[in-house]
């Protein structure tokens, strides 16, 4: 389970970090601290953007 601060750190990094949502590799675009959500998309489908709870993300 990920926390908001780590999700923000990953979203600002210039390198890829292995993060998964529902068993799928994803990219974190941005993080909303107030709502504790992240804007993500699957690496294999960048058009499938969605907002998810930060605590549902897993760093491998």
Protein backbone atom coordinates (compact mmCIF):
# COMPACT_ATOMS: atom_id res chain seq x y z
CA UNK A 1 0.00 0.00 0.00
CA UNK A 2 1.36 3.40 -0.99
CA UNK A 3 1.05 6.73 0.82
CA UNK A 4 0.46 10.19 -0.67
CA UNK A 5 4.00 11.44 -0.10
CA UNK A 6 5.57 8.46 -1.89
CA UNK A 7 3.10 8.76 -4.78
CA UNK A 8 3.99 12.47 -5.16
CA UNK A 9 7.69 11.63 -5.09
CA UNK A 10 7.26 9.00 -7.82
CA UNK A 11 5.16 11.33 -9.99
CA UNK A 12 7.95 13.93 -9.91
CA UNK A 13 10.76 11.50 -10.76
CA UNK A 14 12.20 11.49 -14.24
CA UNK A 15 12.65 7.74 -14.20
CA UNK A 16 10.19 4.87 -14.30
CA UNK A 17 9.30 3.21 -11.03
CA UNK A 18 7.53 -0.16 -10.99
CA UNK A 19 4.09 0.75 -9.61
CA UNK A 20 1.02 -1.40 -10.06
CA UNK A 21 -2.71 -0.92 -9.81
CA UNK A 22 -4.84 -4.05 -9.88
CA UNK A 23 -1.84 -6.11 -10.96
CA UNK A 24 -1.14 -3.86 -13.95
CA UNK A 25 1.94 -1.66 -14.43
CA UNK A 26 0.92 2.01 -14.33
CA UNK A 27 2.33 5.53 -14.58
CA UNK A 28 1.40 8.17 -11.98
CA UNK A 29 0.67 11.49 -13.71
CA UNK A 30 -0.30 13.54 -10.67
CA UNK A 31 -1.42 13.29 -7.06
CA UNK A 32 -4.25 15.09 -5.27
CA UNK A 33 -3.13 15.36 -1.66
CA UNK A 34 -6.48 16.57 -0.30
CA UNK A 35 -8.43 13.66 -1.76
CA UNK A 36 -5.52 11.18 -1.49
CA UNK A 37 -6.00 10.15 -5.12
CA UNK A 38 -3.65 9.72 -8.05
CA UNK A 39 -4.22 10.28 -11.77
CA UNK A 40 -2.81 7.18 -13.45
CA UNK A 41 -2.76 5.28 -16.72
CA UNK A 42 -1.65 1.76 -17.65
CA UNK A 43 1.75 1.68 -19.38
CA UNK A 44 0.26 -0.35 -22.22
CA UNK A 45 -2.75 1.97 -22.68
CA UNK A 46 -1.94 5.67 -22.02
CA UNK A 47 -5.42 6.77 -23.13
CA UNK A 48 -7.06 4.88 -20.24
CA UNK A 49 -6.47 7.59 -17.62
CA UNK A 50 -8.30 7.31 -14.31
CA UNK A 51 -8.29 8.65 -10.77
CA UNK A 52 -7.69 6.05 -8.06
CA UNK A 53 -7.07 6.00 -4.33
CA UNK A 54 -3.35 6.28 -3.56
CA UNK A 55 -3.57 3.43 -1.05
CA UNK A 56 -4.65 1.08 -3.87
CA UNK A 57 -1.25 1.49 -5.58
CA UNK A 58 1.58 -0.96 -4.98
CA UNK A 59 5.28 -0.29 -5.52
CA UNK A 60 7.21 -3.36 -6.59
